[in-house]
Amino acid sequence: MKLQAITADPYEQTDLSDARPEVVEQLVQQIDEWKASLPDSPSGDVFSRERSQPDTDR
């Protein structure tokens, strides 16, 4: 995982993950907790109208 300081480095030239491993660890933990809270599969009308329409560019 890359860690960027978007305000200080808007072009994302510097990866701060090695310098701030505790932040990376915290973010990974938060992502894992969020993923664990998701249902096994979507139910109901979960997609926008645009995503529900067939892709005609193919």
PDB file of N, CA and C in Angstrom:
ATOM      1  N   MET A   1       0.844  -1.164   0.000  1.00  0.00           N
ATOM      2  CA  MET A   1       0.000   0.000   0.000  1.00  0.00           C
ATOM      3  C   MET A   1       0.891   1.229   0.000  1.00  0.00           C
ATOM      4  N   LYS A   2       0.533   2.181  -0.832  1.00  0.00           N
ATOM      5  CA  LYS A   2       1.251   3.452  -0.855  1.00  0.00           C
ATOM      6  C   LYS A   2       0.550   4.433   0.077  1.00  0.00           C
ATOM      7  N   LEU A   3       1.336   5.310   0.657  1.00  0.00           N
ATOM      8  CA  LEU A   3       0.817   6.361   1.523  1.00  0.00           C
ATOM      9  C   LEU A   3       1.286   7.682   0.943  1.00  0.00           C
ATOM     10  N   GLN A   4       0.343   8.521   0.585  1.00  0.00           N
ATOM     11  CA  GLN A   4       0.656   9.792  -0.046  1.00  0.00           C
ATOM     12  C   GLN A   4       0.181  10.951   0.836  1.00  0.00           C
ATOM     13  N   ALA A   5       0.870  12.066   0.784  1.00  0.00           N
ATOM     14  CA  ALA A   5       0.454  13.315   1.424  1.00  0.00           C
ATOM     15  C   ALA A   5      -0.066  14.215   0.299  1.00  0.00           C
ATOM     16  N   ILE A   6      -1.325  14.061  -0.022  1.00  0.00           N
ATOM     17  CA  ILE A   6      -1.903  14.706  -1.202  1.00  0.00           C
ATOM     18  C   ILE A   6      -1.775  16.231  -1.149  1.00  0.00           C
ATOM     19  N   THR A   7      -1.993  16.824   0.006  1.00  0.00           N
ATOM     20  CA  THR A   7      -1.903  18.279   0.111  1.00  0.00           C
ATOM     21  C   THR A   7      -0.476  18.760  -0.130  1.00  0.00           C
ATOM     22  N   ALA A   8       0.485  18.103   0.476  1.00  0.00           N
ATOM     23  CA  ALA A   8       1.893  18.503   0.341  1.00  0.00           C
ATOM     24  C   ALA A   8       2.509  18.024  -0.973  1.00  0.00           C
ATOM     25  N   ASP A   9       1.964  16.948  -1.536  1.00  0.00           N
ATOM     26  CA  ASP A   9       2.537  16.316  -2.726  1.00  0.00           C
ATOM     27  C   ASP A   9       1.411  15.947  -3.690  1.00  0.00           C
ATOM     28  N   PRO A  10       0.782  16.963  -4.316  1.00  0.00           N
ATOM     29  CA  PRO A  10      -0.394  16.688  -5.151  1.00  0.00           C
ATOM     30  C   PRO A  10      -0.126  15.784  -6.352  1.00  0.00           C
ATOM     31  N   TYR A  11       1.124  15.673  -6.770  1.00  0.00           N
ATOM     32  CA  TYR A  11       1.456  14.805  -7.902  1.00  0.00           C
ATOM     33  C   TYR A  11       1.864  13.404  -7.456  1.00  0.00           C
ATOM     34  N   GLU A  12       1.750  13.157  -6.156  1.00  0.00           N
ATOM     35  CA  GLU A  12       2.006  11.841  -5.570  1.00  0.00           C
ATOM     36  C   GLU A  12       3.369  11.284  -5.982  1.00  0.00           C
ATOM     37  N   GLN A  13       4.393  12.090  -5.813  1.00  0.00           N
ATOM     38  CA  GLN A  13       5.749  11.699  -6.169  1.00  0.00           C
ATOM     39  C   GLN A  13       6.435  10.879  -5.065  1.00  0.00           C
ATOM     40  N   THR A  14       5.994  11.081  -3.812  1.00  0.00           N
ATOM     41  CA  THR A  14       6.680  10.468  -2.680  1.00  0.00           C
ATOM     42  C   THR A  14       5.768   9.492  -1.954  1.00  0.00           C
ATOM     43  N   ASP A  15       6.240   8.266  -1.807  1.00  0.00           N
ATOM     44  CA  ASP A  15       5.523   7.241  -1.042  1.00  0.00           C
ATOM     45  C   ASP A  15       6.017   7.300   0.401  1.00  0.00           C
ATOM     46  N   LEU A  16       5.124   7.595   1.332  1.00  0.00           N
ATOM     47  CA  LEU A  16       5.492   7.747   2.738  1.00  0.00           C
ATOM     48  C   LEU A  16       5.276   6.479   3.564  1.00  0.00           C
ATOM     49  N   SER A  17       4.944   5.375   2.922  1.00  0.00           N
ATOM     50  CA  SER A  17       4.613   4.162   3.672  1.00  0.00           C
ATOM     51  C   SER A  17       5.778   3.633   4.510  1.00  0.00           C
ATOM     52  N   ASP A  18       7.001   3.744   4.022  1.00  0.00           N
ATOM     53  CA  ASP A  18       8.158   3.286   4.812  1.00  0.00           C
ATOM     54  C   ASP A  18       8.425   4.202   6.005  1.00  0.00           C
ATOM     55  N   ALA A  19       8.175   5.485   5.824  1.00  0.00           N
ATOM     56  CA  ALA A  19       8.429   6.449   6.899  1.00  0.00           C
ATOM     57  C   ALA A  19       7.317   6.458   7.952  1.00  0.00           C
ATOM     58  N   ARG A  20       6.118   6.009   7.585  1.00  0.00           N
ATOM     59  CA  ARG A  20       4.975   6.044   8.502  1.00  0.00           C
ATOM     60  C   ARG A  20       4.254   4.697   8.546  1.00  0.00           C
ATOM     61  N   PRO A  21       4.944   3.619   8.915  1.00  0.00           N
ATOM     62  CA  PRO A  21       4.321   2.290   8.905  1.00  0.00           C
ATOM     63  C   PRO A  21       3.117   2.180   9.849  1.00  0.00           C
ATOM     64  N   GLU A  22       3.107   2.970  10.928  1.00  0.00           N
ATOM     65  CA  GLU A  22       1.976   2.922  11.855  1.00  0.00           C
ATOM     66  C   GLU A  22       0.701   3.435  11.197  1.00  0.00           C
ATOM     67  N   VAL A  23       0.826   4.415  10.313  1.00  0.00           N
ATOM     68  CA  VAL A  23      -0.347   4.933   9.597  1.00  0.00           C
ATOM     69  C   VAL A  23      -0.848   3.891   8.609  1.00  0.00           C
ATOM     70  N   VAL A  24       0.071   3.259   7.908  1.00  0.00           N
ATOM     71  CA  VAL A  24      -0.307   2.200   6.962  1.00  0.00           C
ATOM     72  C   VAL A  24      -1.016   1.072   7.703  1.00  0.00           C
ATOM     73  N   GLU A  25      -0.466   0.669   8.831  1.00  0.00           N
ATOM     74  CA  GLU A  25      -1.073  -0.408   9.625  1.00  0.00           C
ATOM     75  C   GLU A  25      -2.486  -0.037  10.062  1.00  0.00           C
ATOM     76  N   GLN A  26      -2.673   1.195  10.503  1.00  0.00           N
ATOM     77  CA  GLN A  26      -3.991   1.656  10.934  1.00  0.00           C
ATOM     78  C   GLN A  26      -4.978   1.667   9.763  1.00  0.00           C
ATOM     79  N   LEU A  27      -4.541   2.145   8.607  1.00  0.00           N
ATOM     80  CA  LEU A  27      -5.410   2.176   7.434  1.00  0.00           C
ATOM     81  C   LEU A  27      -5.791   0.772   6.979  1.00  0.00           C
ATOM     82  N   VAL A  28      -4.821  -0.135   6.970  1.00  0.00           N
ATOM     83  CA  VAL A  28      -5.102  -1.518   6.580  1.00  0.00           C
ATOM     84  C   VAL A  28      -6.111  -2.138   7.540  1.00  0.00           C
ATOM     85  N   GLN A  29      -5.958  -1.876   8.818  1.00  0.00           N
ATOM     86  CA  GLN A  29      -6.896  -2.393   9.812  1.00  0.00           C
ATOM     87  C   GLN A  29      -8.297  -1.832   9.575  1.00  0.00           C
ATOM     88  N   GLN A  30      -8.396  -0.547   9.293  1.00  0.00           N
ATOM     89  CA  GLN A  30      -9.701   0.066   9.041  1.00  0.00           C
ATOM     90  C   GLN A  30     -10.347  -0.507   7.781  1.00  0.00           C
ATOM     91  N   ILE A  31      -9.546  -0.724   6.740  1.00  0.00           N
ATOM     92  CA  ILE A  31     -10.072  -1.312   5.504  1.00  0.00           C
ATOM     93  C   ILE A  31     -10.549  -2.734   5.764  1.00  0.00           C
ATOM     94  N   ASP A  32      -9.774  -3.517   6.505  1.00  0.00           N
ATOM     95  CA  ASP A  32     -10.165  -4.892   6.817  1.00  0.00           C
ATOM     96  C   ASP A  32     -11.462  -4.933   7.627  1.00  0.00           C
ATOM     97  N   GLU A  33     -11.595  -4.025   8.585  1.00  0.00           N
ATOM     98  CA  GLU A  33     -12.835  -3.958   9.377  1.00  0.00           C
ATOM     99  C   GLU A  33     -14.021  -3.576   8.503  1.00  0.00           C
ATOM    100  N   TRP A  34     -13.826  -2.632   7.605  1.00  0.00           N
ATOM    101  CA  TRP A  34     -14.895  -2.227   6.699  1.00  0.00           C
ATOM    102  C   TRP A  34     -15.294  -3.389   5.785  1.00  0.00           C
ATOM    103  N   LYS A  35     -14.295  -4.084   5.218  1.00  0.00           N
ATOM    104  CA  LYS A  35     -14.588  -5.212   4.336  1.00  0.00           C
ATOM    105  C   LYS A  35     -15.338  -6.312   5.087  1.00  0.00           C
ATOM    106  N   ALA A  36     -14.983  -6.541   6.344  1.00  0.00           N
ATOM    107  CA  ALA A  36     -15.663  -7.571   7.138  1.00  0.00           C
ATOM    108  C   ALA A  36     -17.112  -7.197   7.420  1.00  0.00           C
ATOM    109  N   SER A  37     -17.421  -5.904   7.371  1.00  0.00           N
ATOM    110  CA  SER A  37     -18.789  -5.462   7.650  1.00  0.00           C
ATOM    111  C   SER A  37     -19.704  -5.551   6.424  1.00  0.00           C
ATOM    112  N   LEU A  38     -19.120  -5.808   5.255  1.00  0.00           N
ATOM    113  CA  LEU A  38     -19.918  -5.875   4.031  1.00  0.00           C
ATOM    114  C   LEU A  38     -20.653  -7.207   3.942  1.00  0.00           C
ATOM    115  N   PRO A  39     -21.836  -7.208   3.318  1.00  0.00           N
ATOM    116  CA  PRO A  39     -22.531  -8.481   3.122  1.00  0.00           C
ATOM    117  C   PRO A  39     -21.767  -9.355   2.122  1.00  0.00           C
ATOM    118  N   ASP A  40     -22.065 -10.648   2.135  1.00  0.00           N
ATOM    119  CA  ASP A  40     -21.399 -11.568   1.214  1.00  0.00           C
ATOM    120  C   ASP A  40     -21.656 -11.211  -0.236  1.00  0.00           C
ATOM    121  N   SER A  41     -22.859 -10.739  -0.524  1.00  0.00           N
ATOM    122  CA  SER A  41     -23.188 -10.305  -1.880  1.00  0.00           C
ATOM    123  C   SER A  41     -24.211  -9.171  -1.792  1.00  0.00           C
ATOM    124  N   PRO A  42     -24.209  -8.294  -2.793  1.00  0.00           N
ATOM    125  CA  PRO A  42     -25.148  -7.176  -2.754  1.00  0.00           C
ATOM    126  C   PRO A  42     -26.582  -7.663  -2.859  1.00  0.00           C
ATOM    127  N   SER A  43     -27.479  -6.924  -2.270  1.00  0.00           N
ATOM    128  CA  SER A  43     -28.896  -7.250  -2.390  1.00  0.00           C
ATOM    129  C   SER A  43     -29.654  -5.960  -2.667  1.00  0.00           C
ATOM    130  N   GLY A  44     -30.742  -6.097  -3.377  1.00  0.00           N
ATOM    131  CA  GLY A  44     -31.552  -4.922  -3.679  1.00  0.00           C
ATOM    132  C   GLY A  44     -30.954  -4.108  -4.815  1.00  0.00           C
ATOM    133  N   ASP A  45     -31.455  -2.905  -4.943  1.00  0.00           N
ATOM    134  CA  ASP A  45     -31.041  -2.003  -6.008  1.00  0.00           C
ATOM    135  C   ASP A  45     -29.831  -1.209  -5.531  1.00  0.00           C
ATOM    136  N   VAL A  46     -28.629  -1.741  -5.758  1.00  0.00           N
ATOM    137  CA  VAL A  46     -27.421  -1.133  -5.215  1.00  0.00           C
ATOM    138  C   VAL A  46     -26.613  -0.346  -6.249  1.00  0.00           C
ATOM    139  N   PHE A  47     -26.999  -0.411  -7.504  1.00  0.00           N
ATOM    140  CA  PHE A  47     -26.245   0.268  -8.543  1.00  0.00           C
ATOM    141  C   PHE A  47     -26.992   1.494  -9.052  1.00  0.00           C
ATOM    142  N   SER A  48     -26.237   2.503  -9.475  1.00  0.00           N
ATOM    143  CA  SER A  48     -26.843   3.694 -10.051  1.00  0.00           C
ATOM    144  C   SER A  48     -27.489   3.350 -11.385  1.00  0.00           C
ATOM    145  N   ARG A  49     -28.322   4.220 -11.853  1.00  0.00           N
ATOM    146  CA  ARG A  49     -28.998   4.009 -13.140  1.00  0.00           C
ATOM    147  C   ARG A  49     -27.963   3.851 -14.252  1.00  0.00           C
ATOM    148  N   GLU A  50     -26.892   4.648 -14.213  1.00  0.00           N
ATOM    149  CA  GLU A  50     -25.869   4.574 -15.252  1.00  0.00           C
ATOM    150  C   GLU A  50     -25.165   3.217 -15.250  1.00  0.00           C
ATOM    151  N   ARG A  51     -24.880   2.682 -14.077  1.00  0.00           N
ATOM    152  CA  ARG A  51     -24.191   1.385 -13.995  1.00  0.00           C
ATOM    153  C   ARG A  51     -25.108   0.233 -14.338  1.00  0.00           C
ATOM    154  N   SER A  52     -26.407   0.440 -14.211  1.00  0.00           N
ATOM    155  CA  SER A  52     -27.369  -0.635 -14.477  1.00  0.00           C
ATOM    156  C   SER A  52     -27.640  -0.801 -15.964  1.00  0.00           C
ATOM    157  N   GLN A  53     -27.292   0.199 -16.756  1.00  0.00           N
ATOM    158  CA  GLN A  53     -27.549   0.131 -18.203  1.00  0.00           C
ATOM    159  C   GLN A  53     -26.428  -0.645 -18.885  1.00  0.00           C
ATOM    160  N   PRO A  54     -26.772  -1.355 -19.979  1.00  0.00           N
ATOM    161  CA  PRO A  54     -25.734  -2.114 -20.685  1.00  0.00           C
ATOM    162  C   PRO A  54     -24.667  -1.200 -21.258  1.00  0.00           C
ATOM    163  N   ASP A  55     -23.446  -1.699 -21.325  1.00  0.00           N
ATOM    164  CA  ASP A  55     -22.330  -0.964 -21.882  1.00  0.00           C
ATOM    165  C   ASP A  55     -22.398  -1.081 -23.404  1.00  0.00           C
ATOM    166  N   THR A  56     -22.628   0.031 -24.086  1.00  0.00           N
ATOM    167  CA  THR A  56     -22.778  -0.005 -25.540  1.00  0.00           C
ATOM    168  C   THR A  56     -21.472   0.310 -26.273  1.00  0.00           C
ATOM    169  N   ASP A  57     -20.393   0.537 -25.502  1.00  0.00           N
ATOM    170  CA  ASP A  57     -19.102   0.849 -26.136  1.00  0.00           C
ATOM    171  C   ASP A  57     -18.374  -0.399 -26.619  1.00  0.00           C
ATOM    172  N   ARG A  58     -18.867  -1.561 -26.298  1.00  0.00           N
ATOM    173  CA  ARG A  58     -18.158  -2.795 -26.688  1.00  0.00           C
ATOM    174  C   ARG A  58     -18.620  -3.288 -28.015  1.00  0.00           C
TER     175      ARG A  58
END
